[in-house]
C-alpha cells in the first residue's frame, strides 16, 4: 500500500497485488507508481 490521494485532507492508500512469490514485481510496480504519484 502507498498513498495515492487525499480525501477530507487525509491520506488514502492504493494496494498493488501480485501473484504468490512475486514480491519483487509488486515492489517494482509500487516504486513505478510512487515515482508518478509524487
ModelCIF file with pLDDT and N, C-alpha, C, O atoms, coordinates in Angstrom:
data_MODEL
#
_entry.id   MODEL 
#
_entity.id                         1 
_entity.type                       polymer 
_entity.pdbx_number_of_molecules   1 
#
_entity_poly.entity_id                      1 
_entity_poly.type                           'polypeptide(L)' 
_entity_poly.nstd_linkage                   no 
_entity_poly.nstd_monomer                   no 
_entity_poly.pdbx_seq_one_letter_code       
;(UNK)(UNK)(UNK)(UNK)(UNK)(UNK)(UNK)(UNK)(UNK)(UNK)(UNK)(UNK)(UNK)(UNK)(UNK)(UNK)
(UNK)(UNK)(UNK)(UNK)(UNK)(UNK)(UNK)(UNK)(UNK)(UNK)(UNK)(UNK)(UNK)(UNK)(UNK)(UNK)
(UNK)(UNK)(UNK)(UNK)(UNK)(UNK)
;
_entity_poly.pdbx_seq_one_letter_code_can   XXXXXXXXXXXXXXXXXXXXXXXXXXXXXXXXXXXXXX 
_entity_poly.pdbx_strand_id                 A 
#
loop_
_entity_poly_seq.entity_id 
_entity_poly_seq.num 
_entity_poly_seq.mon_id 
_entity_poly_seq.hetero 
1 1  UNK n 
1 2  UNK n 
1 3  UNK n 
1 4  UNK n 
1 5  UNK n 
1 6  UNK n 
1 7  UNK n 
1 8  UNK n 
1 9  UNK n 
1 10 UNK n 
1 11 UNK n 
1 12 UNK n 
1 13 UNK n 
1 14 UNK n 
1 15 UNK n 
1 16 UNK n 
1 17 UNK n 
1 18 UNK n 
1 19 UNK n 
1 20 UNK n 
1 21 UNK n 
1 22 UNK n 
1 23 UNK n 
1 24 UNK n 
1 25 UNK n 
1 26 UNK n 
1 27 UNK n 
1 28 UNK n 
1 29 UNK n 
1 30 UNK n 
1 31 UNK n 
1 32 UNK n 
1 33 UNK n 
1 34 UNK n 
1 35 UNK n 
1 36 UNK n 
1 37 UNK n 
1 38 UNK n 
#
_struct_asym.id          A 
_struct_asym.entity_id   1 
#
loop_
_ma_qa_metric.id 
_ma_qa_metric.mode 
_ma_qa_metric.name 
_ma_qa_metric.software_group_id 
_ma_qa_metric.type 
1 global pLDDT . pLDDT 
2 local  pLDDT . pLDDT 
#
_ma_qa_metric_global.metric_id      1 
_ma_qa_metric_global.metric_value   97.45 
_ma_qa_metric_global.model_id       1 
_ma_qa_metric_global.ordinal_id     1 
#
loop_
_ma_qa_metric_local.label_asym_id 
_ma_qa_metric_local.label_comp_id 
_ma_qa_metric_local.label_seq_id 
_ma_qa_metric_local.metric_id 
_ma_qa_metric_local.metric_value 
_ma_qa_metric_local.model_id 
_ma_qa_metric_local.ordinal_id 
A UNK 1  2 99.00 1 1  
A UNK 2  2 98.00 1 2  
A UNK 3  2 98.00 1 3  
A UNK 4  2 98.00 1 4  
A UNK 5  2 98.00 1 5  
A UNK 6  2 98.00 1 6  
A UNK 7  2 98.00 1 7  
A UNK 8  2 97.00 1 8  
A UNK 9  2 98.00 1 9  
A UNK 10 2 98.00 1 10 
A UNK 11 2 98.00 1 11 
A UNK 12 2 98.00 1 12 
A UNK 13 2 98.00 1 13 
A UNK 14 2 98.00 1 14 
A UNK 15 2 99.00 1 15 
A UNK 16 2 99.00 1 16 
A UNK 17 2 99.00 1 17 
A UNK 18 2 98.00 1 18 
A UNK 19 2 98.00 1 19 
A UNK 20 2 98.00 1 20 
A UNK 21 2 98.00 1 21 
A UNK 22 2 98.00 1 22 
A UNK 23 2 98.00 1 23 
A UNK 24 2 98.00 1 24 
A UNK 25 2 98.00 1 25 
A UNK 26 2 98.00 1 26 
A UNK 27 2 98.00 1 27 
A UNK 28 2 98.00 1 28 
A UNK 29 2 98.00 1 29 
A UNK 30 2 98.00 1 30 
A UNK 31 2 98.00 1 31 
A UNK 32 2 98.00 1 32 
A UNK 33 2 98.00 1 33 
A UNK 34 2 98.00 1 34 
A UNK 35 2 97.00 1 35 
A UNK 36 2 96.00 1 36 
A UNK 37 2 92.00 1 37 
A UNK 38 2 83.00 1 38 
#
loop_
_atom_site.group_PDB 
_atom_site.id 
_atom_site.type_symbol 
_atom_site.label_atom_id 
_atom_site.label_alt_id 
_atom_site.label_comp_id 
_atom_site.label_asym_id 
_atom_site.label_entity_id 
_atom_site.label_seq_id 
_atom_site.pdbx_PDB_ins_code 
_atom_site.Cartn_x 
_atom_site.Cartn_y 
_atom_site.Cartn_z 
_atom_site.occupancy 
_atom_site.B_iso_or_equiv 
_atom_site.pdbx_formal_charge 
_atom_site.auth_seq_id 
_atom_site.auth_comp_id 
_atom_site.auth_asym_id 
_atom_site.auth_atom_id 
_atom_site.pdbx_PDB_model_num 
ATOM 1   N N  . UNK A 1 1  ? 0.844   -1.192  0.000   1.00 99.00 ? 1  UNK A N  1 
ATOM 2   C CA . UNK A 1 1  ? 0.000   0.000   0.000   1.00 99.00 ? 1  UNK A CA 1 
ATOM 3   C C  . UNK A 1 1  ? 0.875   1.235   0.000   1.00 99.00 ? 1  UNK A C  1 
ATOM 4   O O  . UNK A 1 1  ? 1.899   1.294   0.680   1.00 99.00 ? 1  UNK A O  1 
ATOM 5   N N  . UNK A 1 2  ? 0.448   2.226   -0.781  1.00 98.00 ? 2  UNK A N  1 
ATOM 6   C CA . UNK A 1 2  ? 1.095   3.534   -0.759  1.00 98.00 ? 2  UNK A CA 1 
ATOM 7   C C  . UNK A 1 2  ? 0.038   4.601   -0.975  1.00 98.00 ? 2  UNK A C  1 
ATOM 8   O O  . UNK A 1 2  ? -1.021  4.324   -1.538  1.00 98.00 ? 2  UNK A O  1 
ATOM 9   N N  . UNK A 1 3  ? 0.316   5.809   -0.536  1.00 98.00 ? 3  UNK A N  1 
ATOM 10  C CA . UNK A 1 3  ? -0.655  6.897   -0.635  1.00 98.00 ? 3  UNK A CA 1 
ATOM 11  C C  . UNK A 1 3  ? -0.838  7.318   -2.090  1.00 98.00 ? 3  UNK A C  1 
ATOM 12  O O  . UNK A 1 3  ? 0.135   7.480   -2.826  1.00 98.00 ? 3  UNK A O  1 
ATOM 13  N N  . UNK A 1 4  ? -2.100  7.494   -2.500  1.00 98.00 ? 4  UNK A N  1 
ATOM 14  C CA . UNK A 1 4  ? -2.340  7.943   -3.876  1.00 98.00 ? 4  UNK A CA 1 
ATOM 15  C C  . UNK A 1 4  ? -3.178  9.208   -3.951  1.00 98.00 ? 4  UNK A C  1 
ATOM 16  O O  . UNK A 1 4  ? -3.264  9.824   -5.014  1.00 98.00 ? 4  UNK A O  1 
ATOM 17  N N  . UNK A 1 5  ? -3.799  9.612   -2.844  1.00 98.00 ? 5  UNK A N  1 
ATOM 18  C CA . UNK A 1 5  ? -4.650  10.809  -2.878  1.00 98.00 ? 5  UNK A CA 1 
ATOM 19  C C  . UNK A 1 5  ? -4.939  11.258  -1.452  1.00 98.00 ? 5  UNK A C  1 
ATOM 20  O O  . UNK A 1 5  ? -4.555  10.607  -0.479  1.00 98.00 ? 5  UNK A O  1 
ATOM 21  N N  . UNK A 1 6  ? -5.624  12.384  -1.361  1.00 98.00 ? 6  UNK A N  1 
ATOM 22  C CA . UNK A 1 6  ? -6.137  12.855  -0.067  1.00 98.00 ? 6  UNK A CA 1 
ATOM 23  C C  . UNK A 1 6  ? -7.638  13.055  -0.200  1.00 98.00 ? 6  UNK A C  1 
ATOM 24  O O  . UNK A 1 6  ? -8.131  13.575  -1.200  1.00 98.00 ? 6  UNK A O  1 
ATOM 25  N N  . UNK A 1 7  ? -8.343  12.631  0.830   1.00 98.00 ? 7  UNK A N  1 
ATOM 26  C CA . UNK A 1 7  ? -9.791  12.803  0.900   1.00 98.00 ? 7  UNK A CA 1 
ATOM 27  C C  . UNK A 1 7  ? -10.083 13.387  2.275   1.00 98.00 ? 7  UNK A C  1 
ATOM 28  O O  . UNK A 1 7  ? -9.612  12.862  3.284   1.00 98.00 ? 7  UNK A O  1 
ATOM 29  N N  . UNK A 1 8  ? -10.857 14.470  2.325   1.00 97.00 ? 8  UNK A N  1 
ATOM 30  C CA . UNK A 1 8  ? -11.097 15.196  3.582   1.00 97.00 ? 8  UNK A CA 1 
ATOM 31  C C  . UNK A 1 8  ? -9.776  15.636  4.216   1.00 97.00 ? 8  UNK A C  1 
ATOM 32  O O  . UNK A 1 8  ? -9.669  15.749  5.438   1.00 97.00 ? 8  UNK A O  1 
ATOM 33  N N  . UNK A 1 9  ? -8.776  15.881  3.373   1.00 98.00 ? 9  UNK A N  1 
ATOM 34  C CA . UNK A 1 9  ? -7.480  16.305  3.881   1.00 98.00 ? 9  UNK A CA 1 
ATOM 35  C C  . UNK A 1 9  ? -6.628  15.195  4.456   1.00 98.00 ? 9  UNK A C  1 
ATOM 36  O O  . UNK A 1 9  ? -5.539  15.453  4.969   1.00 98.00 ? 9  UNK A O  1 
ATOM 37  N N  . UNK A 1 10 ? -7.110  13.952  4.378   1.00 98.00 ? 10 UNK A N  1 
ATOM 38  C CA . UNK A 1 10 ? -6.398  12.809  4.944   1.00 98.00 ? 10 UNK A CA 1 
ATOM 39  C C  . UNK A 1 10 ? -5.903  11.893  3.837   1.00 98.00 ? 10 UNK A C  1 
ATOM 40  O O  . UNK A 1 10 ? -6.530  11.802  2.781   1.00 98.00 ? 10 UNK A O  1 
ATOM 41  N N  . UNK A 1 11 ? -4.767  11.203  4.069   1.00 98.00 ? 11 UNK A N  1 
ATOM 42  C CA . UNK A 1 11 ? -4.240  10.303  3.042   1.00 98.00 ? 11 UNK A CA 1 
ATOM 43  C C  . UNK A 1 11 ? -5.112  9.069   2.856   1.00 98.00 ? 11 UNK A C  1 
ATOM 44  O O  . UNK A 1 11 ? -5.702  8.562   3.810   1.00 98.00 ? 11 UNK A O  1 
ATOM 45  N N  . UNK A 1 12 ? -5.184  8.599   1.631   1.00 98.00 ? 12 UNK A N  1 
ATOM 46  C CA . UNK A 1 12 ? -5.812  7.307   1.344   1.00 98.00 ? 12 UNK A CA 1 
ATOM 47  C C  . UNK A 1 12 ? -4.847  6.494   0.484   1.00 98.00 ? 12 UNK A C  1 
ATOM 48  O O  . UNK A 1 12 ? -4.094  7.043   -0.321  1.00 98.00 ? 12 UNK A O  1 
ATOM 49  N N  . UNK A 1 13 ? -4.885  5.184   0.669   1.00 98.00 ? 13 UNK A N  1 
ATOM 50  C CA . UNK A 1 13 ? -3.902  4.311   0.041   1.00 98.00 ? 13 UNK A CA 1 
ATOM 51  C C  . UNK A 1 13 ? -4.475  3.488   -1.093  1.00 98.00 ? 13 UNK A C  1 
ATOM 52  O O  . UNK A 1 13 ? -5.680  3.255   -1.178  1.00 98.00 ? 13 UNK A O  1 
ATOM 53  N N  . UNK A 1 14 ? -3.572  3.053   -1.967  1.00 98.00 ? 14 UNK A N  1 
ATOM 54  C CA . UNK A 1 14 ? -3.924  2.134   -3.038  1.00 98.00 ? 14 UNK A CA 1 
ATOM 55  C C  . UNK A 1 14 ? -3.080  0.879   -2.865  1.00 98.00 ? 14 UNK A C  1 
ATOM 56  O O  . UNK A 1 14 ? -1.904  0.953   -2.508  1.00 98.00 ? 14 UNK A O  1 
ATOM 57  N N  . UNK A 1 15 ? -3.693  -0.278  -3.122  1.00 99.00 ? 15 UNK A N  1 
ATOM 58  C CA . UNK A 1 15 ? -2.988  -1.552  -2.999  1.00 99.00 ? 15 UNK A CA 1 
ATOM 59  C C  . UNK A 1 15 ? -2.541  -2.051  -4.369  1.00 99.00 ? 15 UNK A C  1 
ATOM 60  O O  . UNK A 1 15 ? -3.281  -1.987  -5.351  1.00 99.00 ? 15 UNK A O  1 
ATOM 61  N N  . UNK A 1 16 ? -1.303  -2.553  -4.402  1.00 99.00 ? 16 UNK A N  1 
ATOM 62  C CA . UNK A 1 16 ? -0.763  -3.258  -5.565  1.00 99.00 ? 16 UNK A CA 1 
ATOM 63  C C  . UNK A 1 16 ? -0.653  -4.726  -5.153  1.00 99.00 ? 16 UNK A C  1 
ATOM 64  O O  . UNK A 1 16 ? 0.043   -5.052  -4.191  1.00 99.00 ? 16 UNK A O  1 
ATOM 65  N N  . UNK A 1 17 ? -1.336  -5.607  -5.877  1.00 99.00 ? 17 UNK A N  1 
ATOM 66  C CA . UNK A 1 17 ? -1.432  -7.027  -5.508  1.00 99.00 ? 17 UNK A CA 1 
ATOM 67  C C  . UNK A 1 17 ? -0.858  -7.875  -6.633  1.00 99.00 ? 17 UNK A C  1 
ATOM 68  O O  . UNK A 1 17 ? -1.221  -7.696  -7.795  1.00 99.00 ? 17 UNK A O  1 
ATOM 69  N N  . UNK A 1 18 ? 0.044   -8.804  -6.291  1.00 98.00 ? 18 UNK A N  1 
ATOM 70  C CA . UNK A 1 18 ? 0.622   -9.680  -7.308  1.00 98.00 ? 18 UNK A CA 1 
ATOM 71  C C  . UNK A 1 18 ? 0.446   -11.143 -6.966  1.00 98.00 ? 18 UNK A C  1 
ATOM 72  O O  . UNK A 1 18 ? -0.069  -11.472 -5.897  1.00 98.00 ? 18 UNK A O  1 
ATOM 73  N N  . UNK A 1 19 ? 0.866   -12.027 -7.860  1.00 98.00 ? 19 UNK A N  1 
ATOM 74  C CA . UNK A 1 19 ? 0.763   -13.463 -7.588  1.00 98.00 ? 19 UNK A CA 1 
ATOM 75  C C  . UNK A 1 19 ? 1.707   -13.885 -6.454  1.00 98.00 ? 19 UNK A C  1 
ATOM 76  O O  . UNK A 1 19 ? 2.682   -13.197 -6.150  1.00 98.00 ? 19 UNK A O  1 
ATOM 77  N N  . UNK A 1 20 ? 1.400   -15.012 -5.849  1.00 98.00 ? 20 UNK A N  1 
ATOM 78  C CA . UNK A 1 20 ? 2.239   -15.534 -4.770  1.00 98.00 ? 20 UNK A CA 1 
ATOM 79  C C  . UNK A 1 20 ? 3.701   -15.647 -5.223  1.00 98.00 ? 20 UNK A C  1 
ATOM 80  O O  . UNK A 1 20 ? 3.982   -16.145 -6.313  1.00 98.00 ? 20 UNK A O  1 
ATOM 81  N N  . UNK A 1 21 ? 4.608   -15.189 -4.392  1.00 98.00 ? 21 UNK A N  1 
ATOM 82  C CA . UNK A 1 21 ? 6.040   -15.286 -4.684  1.00 98.00 ? 21 UNK A CA 1 
ATOM 83  C C  . UNK A 1 21 ? 6.596   -14.166 -5.526  1.00 98.00 ? 21 UNK A C  1 
ATOM 84  O O  . UNK A 1 21 ? 7.814   -14.045 -5.659  1.00 98.00 ? 21 UNK A O  1 
ATOM 85  N N  . UNK A 1 22 ? 5.727   -13.332 -6.106  1.00 98.00 ? 22 UNK A N  1 
ATOM 86  C CA . UNK A 1 22 ? 6.192   -12.257 -6.989  1.00 98.00 ? 22 UNK A CA 1 
ATOM 87  C C  . UNK A 1 22 ? 6.354   -10.943 -6.224  1.00 98.00 ? 22 UNK A C  1 
ATOM 88  O O  . UNK A 1 22 ? 5.886   -9.892  -6.662  1.00 98.00 ? 22 UNK A O  1 
ATOM 89  N N  . UNK A 1 23 ? 7.025   -11.021 -5.072  1.00 98.00 ? 23 UNK A N  1 
ATOM 90  C CA . UNK A 1 23 ? 7.210   -9.842  -4.224  1.00 98.00 ? 23 UNK A CA 1 
ATOM 91  C C  . UNK A 1 23 ? 7.988   -8.752  -4.952  1.00 98.00 ? 23 UNK A C  1 
ATOM 92  O O  . UNK A 1 23 ? 7.664   -7.570  -4.837  1.00 98.00 ? 23 UNK A O  1 
ATOM 93  N N  . UNK A 1 24 ? 9.019   -9.150  -5.703  1.00 98.00 ? 24 UNK A N  1 
ATOM 94  C CA . UNK A 1 24 ? 9.833   -8.179  -6.425  1.00 98.00 ? 24 UNK A CA 1 
ATOM 95  C C  . UNK A 1 24 ? 9.038   -7.431  -7.471  1.00 98.00 ? 24 UNK A C  1 
ATOM 96  O O  . UNK A 1 24 ? 9.257   -6.239  -7.687  1.00 98.00 ? 24 UNK A O  1 
ATOM 97  N N  . UNK A 1 25 ? 8.114   -8.119  -8.123  1.00 98.00 ? 25 UNK A N  1 
ATOM 98  C CA . UNK A 1 25 ? 7.267   -7.472  -9.123  1.00 98.00 ? 25 UNK A CA 1 
ATOM 99  C C  . UNK A 1 25 ? 6.363   -6.428  -8.467  1.00 98.00 ? 25 UNK A C  1 
ATOM 100 O O  . UNK A 1 25 ? 6.234   -5.307  -8.961  1.00 98.00 ? 25 UNK A O  1 
ATOM 101 N N  . UNK A 1 26 ? 5.737   -6.810  -7.345  1.00 98.00 ? 26 UNK A N  1 
ATOM 102 C CA . UNK A 1 26 ? 4.835   -5.887  -6.642  1.00 98.00 ? 26 UNK A CA 1 
ATOM 103 C C  . UNK A 1 26 ? 5.596   -4.645  -6.179  1.00 98.00 ? 26 UNK A C  1 
ATOM 104 O O  . UNK A 1 26 ? 5.110   -3.524  -6.326  1.00 98.00 ? 26 UNK A O  1 
ATOM 105 N N  . UNK A 1 27 ? 6.792   -4.849  -5.618  1.00 98.00 ? 27 UNK A N  1 
ATOM 106 C CA . UNK A 1 27 ? 7.590   -3.714  -5.145  1.00 98.00 ? 27 UNK A CA 1 
ATOM 107 C C  . UNK A 1 27 ? 8.062   -2.848  -6.311  1.00 98.00 ? 27 UNK A C  1 
ATOM 108 O O  . UNK A 1 27 ? 8.094   -1.623  -6.195  1.00 98.00 ? 27 UNK A O  1 
ATOM 109 N N  . UNK A 1 28 ? 8.427   -3.469  -7.429  1.00 98.00 ? 28 UNK A N  1 
ATOM 110 C CA . UNK A 1 28 ? 8.861   -2.699  -8.595  1.00 98.00 ? 28 UNK A CA 1 
ATOM 111 C C  . UNK A 1 28 ? 7.718   -1.840  -9.138  1.00 98.00 ? 28 UNK A C  1 
ATOM 112 O O  . UNK A 1 28 ? 7.915   -0.671  -9.469  1.00 98.00 ? 28 UNK A O  1 
ATOM 113 N N  . UNK A 1 29 ? 6.529   -2.427  -9.226  1.00 98.00 ? 29 UNK A N  1 
ATOM 114 C CA . UNK A 1 29 ? 5.367   -1.673  -9.722  1.00 98.00 ? 29 UNK A CA 1 
ATOM 115 C C  . UNK A 1 29 ? 4.986   -0.590  -8.709  1.00 98.00 ? 29 UNK A C  1 
ATOM 116 O O  . UNK A 1 29 ? 4.599   0.516   -9.089  1.00 98.00 ? 29 UNK A O  1 
ATOM 117 N N  . UNK A 1 30 ? 5.097   -0.913  -7.424  1.00 98.00 ? 30 UNK A N  1 
ATOM 118 C CA . UNK A 1 30 ? 4.834   0.094   -6.402  1.00 98.00 ? 30 UNK A CA 1 
ATOM 119 C C  . UNK A 1 30 ? 5.787   1.274   -6.513  1.00 98.00 ? 30 UNK A C  1 
ATOM 120 O O  . UNK A 1 30 ? 5.384   2.426   -6.349  1.00 98.00 ? 30 UNK A O  1 
ATOM 121 N N  . UNK A 1 31 ? 7.059   0.982   -6.793  1.00 98.00 ? 31 UNK A N  1 
ATOM 122 C CA . UNK A 1 31 ? 8.030   2.059   -6.993  1.00 98.00 ? 31 UNK A CA 1 
ATOM 123 C C  . UNK A 1 31 ? 7.711   2.895   -8.216  1.00 98.00 ? 31 UNK A C  1 
ATOM 124 O O  . UNK A 1 31 ? 7.866   4.116   -8.203  1.00 98.00 ? 31 UNK A O  1 
ATOM 125 N N  . UNK A 1 32 ? 7.257   2.222   -9.291  1.00 98.00 ? 32 UNK A N  1 
ATOM 126 C CA . UNK A 1 32 ? 6.833   2.920   -10.513 1.00 98.00 ? 32 UNK A CA 1 
ATOM 127 C C  . UNK A 1 32 ? 5.686   3.899   -10.197 1.00 98.00 ? 32 UNK A C  1 
ATOM 128 O O  . UNK A 1 32 ? 5.700   5.052   -10.627 1.00 98.00 ? 32 UNK A O  1 
ATOM 129 N N  . UNK A 1 33 ? 4.703   3.411   -9.442  1.00 98.00 ? 33 UNK A N  1 
ATOM 130 C CA . UNK A 1 33 ? 3.558   4.249   -9.075  1.00 98.00 ? 33 UNK A CA 1 
ATOM 131 C C  . UNK A 1 33 ? 3.992   5.396   -8.184  1.00 98.00 ? 33 UNK A C  1 
ATOM 132 O O  . UNK A 1 33 ? 3.601   6.542   -8.402  1.00 98.00 ? 33 UNK A O  1 
ATOM 133 N N  . UNK A 1 34 ? 4.796   5.091   -7.187  1.00 98.00 ? 34 UNK A N  1 
ATOM 134 C CA . UNK A 1 34 ? 5.240   6.098   -6.220  1.00 98.00 ? 34 UNK A CA 1 
ATOM 135 C C  . UNK A 1 34 ? 5.932   7.252   -6.936  1.00 98.00 ? 34 UNK A C  1 
ATOM 136 O O  . UNK A 1 34 ? 5.692   8.416   -6.615  1.00 98.00 ? 34 UNK A O  1 
ATOM 137 N N  . UNK A 1 35 ? 6.789   6.936   -7.905  1.00 97.00 ? 35 UNK A N  1 
ATOM 138 C CA . UNK A 1 35 ? 7.519   7.976   -8.631  1.00 97.00 ? 35 UNK A CA 1 
ATOM 139 C C  . UNK A 1 35 ? 6.579   8.884   -9.415  1.00 97.00 ? 35 UNK A C  1 
ATOM 140 O O  . UNK A 1 35 ? 6.893   10.053  -9.642  1.00 97.00 ? 35 UNK A O  1 
ATOM 141 N N  . UNK A 1 36 ? 5.436   8.361   -9.828  1.00 96.00 ? 36 UNK A N  1 
ATOM 142 C CA . UNK A 1 36 ? 4.499   9.148   -10.658 1.00 96.00 ? 36 UNK A CA 1 
ATOM 143 C C  . UNK A 1 36 ? 3.394   9.798   -9.838  1.00 96.00 ? 36 UNK A C  1 
ATOM 144 O O  . UNK A 1 36 ? 2.685   10.667  -10.345 1.00 96.00 ? 36 UNK A O  1 
ATOM 145 N N  . UNK A 1 37 ? 3.234   9.396   -8.584  1.00 92.00 ? 37 UNK A N  1 
ATOM 146 C CA . UNK A 1 37 ? 2.178   9.973   -7.754  1.00 92.00 ? 37 UNK A CA 1 
ATOM 147 C C  . UNK A 1 37 ? 2.704   11.096  -6.873  1.00 92.00 ? 37 UNK A C  1 
ATOM 148 O O  . UNK A 1 37 ? 1.926   11.754  -6.183  1.00 92.00 ? 37 UNK A O  1 
ATOM 149 N N  . UNK A 1 38 ? 4.007   11.323  -6.887  1.00 83.00 ? 38 UNK A N  1 
ATOM 150 C CA . UNK A 1 38 ? 4.591   12.367  -6.012  1.00 83.00 ? 38 UNK A CA 1 
ATOM 151 C C  . UNK A 1 38 ? 4.108   13.744  -6.442  1.00 83.00 ? 38 UNK A C  1 
ATOM 152 O O  . UNK A 1 38 ? 4.484   14.747  -5.835  1.00 83.00 ? 38 UNK A O  1 
#
